[in-house]
């Protein structure tokens, strides 16, 4: 199993009655009044990386269930995998 590479983190700074999302370099990329929005934006790179890794593992499990004669239901897992891959494509601008 692969592990996430440690990368510099986006940061959230309280500024001007709102919250500024900054690149690891300190350059600002987004301002919002909602802390929750700022936190989601700052965590997006980590969320995407984690989802990609998880989707890879789930896809392998689906293949094993389908090819191995395992009677476990894999259709629900496949539907979840499809949604994960769609979210990844959207995040990468491919949809």
Protein backbone atom coordinates (compact mmCIF):
# COMPACT_ATOMS: atom_id res chain seq x y z
CA UNK A 1 0.00 0.00 0.00
CA UNK A 2 1.33 3.42 -0.87
CA UNK A 3 1.46 6.24 1.64
CA UNK A 4 0.68 9.88 1.12
CA UNK A 5 3.72 12.01 0.51
CA UNK A 6 4.18 14.76 3.02
CA UNK A 7 3.60 18.01 1.18
CA UNK A 8 3.46 21.59 2.35
CA UNK A 9 -0.01 22.49 3.56
CA UNK A 10 -2.34 25.27 2.52
CA UNK A 11 -3.02 27.50 5.49
CA UNK A 12 -5.99 29.52 6.73
CA UNK A 13 -5.36 32.96 8.23
CA UNK A 14 -7.90 35.19 9.92
CA UNK A 15 -7.90 38.51 8.04
CA UNK A 16 -10.21 41.49 7.65
CA UNK A 17 -13.32 39.98 9.22
CA UNK A 18 -12.89 36.76 7.25
CA UNK A 19 -10.51 33.98 6.43
CA UNK A 20 -7.74 33.92 3.85
CA UNK A 21 -6.65 30.61 2.30
CA UNK A 22 -2.98 30.72 1.35
CA UNK A 23 -0.66 28.46 -0.60
CA UNK A 24 2.26 26.96 1.35
CA UNK A 25 4.34 29.85 -0.06
CA UNK A 26 2.05 32.29 1.76
CA UNK A 27 0.45 33.60 -1.44
CA UNK A 28 -3.30 34.15 -0.92
CA UNK A 29 -5.70 32.23 -3.18
CA UNK A 30 -9.15 32.74 -1.63
CA UNK A 31 -10.93 34.93 0.91
CA UNK A 32 -14.21 34.03 2.57
CA UNK A 33 -16.24 35.04 5.61
CA UNK A 34 -16.95 31.38 6.40
CA UNK A 35 -14.27 29.50 8.33
CA UNK A 36 -15.69 26.12 7.26
CA UNK A 37 -15.31 27.06 3.58
CA UNK A 38 -11.74 28.19 4.18
CA UNK A 39 -10.93 24.94 5.98
CA UNK A 40 -12.37 22.81 3.16
CA UNK A 41 -10.42 24.77 0.54
CA UNK A 42 -7.21 24.48 2.53
CA UNK A 43 -7.66 20.72 2.95
CA UNK A 44 -8.70 20.05 -0.68
CA UNK A 45 -5.26 18.88 -1.90
CA UNK A 46 -5.02 16.38 0.96
CA UNK A 47 -8.61 15.22 0.44
CA UNK A 48 -8.00 14.64 -3.27
CA UNK A 49 -4.78 12.73 -2.66
CA UNK A 50 -6.44 10.55 -0.01
CA UNK A 51 -9.47 9.87 -2.22
CA UNK A 52 -7.22 8.79 -5.11
CA UNK A 53 -5.35 6.37 -2.86
CA UNK A 54 -8.57 4.98 -1.39
CA UNK A 55 -10.21 4.61 -4.82
CA UNK A 56 -7.21 2.58 -6.01
CA UNK A 57 -7.57 0.20 -3.05
CA UNK A 58 -11.35 -0.10 -3.53
CA UNK A 59 -10.94 -0.83 -7.26
CA UNK A 60 -8.48 -3.62 -6.43
CA UNK A 61 -10.97 -5.08 -3.93
CA UNK A 62 -13.75 -4.97 -6.54
CA UNK A 63 -11.55 -6.83 -9.05
CA UNK A 64 -10.72 -9.46 -6.45
CA UNK A 65 -14.38 -9.99 -5.60
CA UNK A 66 -15.42 -10.19 -9.26
CA UNK A 67 -12.62 -12.48 -10.45
CA UNK A 68 -12.22 -14.60 -7.35
CA UNK A 69 -15.71 -16.03 -7.30
CA UNK A 70 -16.37 -14.25 -4.03
CA UNK A 71 -20.09 -14.17 -3.40
CA UNK A 72 -19.86 -10.88 -1.53
CA UNK A 73 -21.91 -8.16 -3.15
CA UNK A 74 -19.56 -5.87 -5.05
CA UNK A 75 -22.15 -3.78 -6.90
CA UNK A 76 -22.63 -1.33 -4.02
CA UNK A 77 -18.87 -0.98 -3.68
CA UNK A 78 -18.59 -0.38 -7.45
CA UNK A 79 -21.22 2.39 -7.28
CA UNK A 80 -19.24 4.09 -4.50
CA UNK A 81 -16.04 3.73 -6.52
CA UNK A 82 -17.72 5.29 -9.55
CA UNK A 83 -18.80 8.29 -7.44
CA UNK A 84 -15.26 8.64 -6.08
CA UNK A 85 -13.77 8.57 -9.58
CA UNK A 86 -16.31 11.16 -10.74
CA UNK A 87 -15.35 13.44 -7.83
CA UNK A 88 -11.66 13.01 -8.67
CA UNK A 89 -12.31 13.87 -12.33
CA UNK A 90 -14.29 16.96 -11.29
CA UNK A 91 -11.54 18.11 -8.93
CA UNK A 92 -8.98 17.68 -11.72
CA UNK A 93 -11.14 19.57 -14.24
CA UNK A 94 -11.85 16.49 -16.37
CA UNK A 95 -15.64 16.58 -16.12
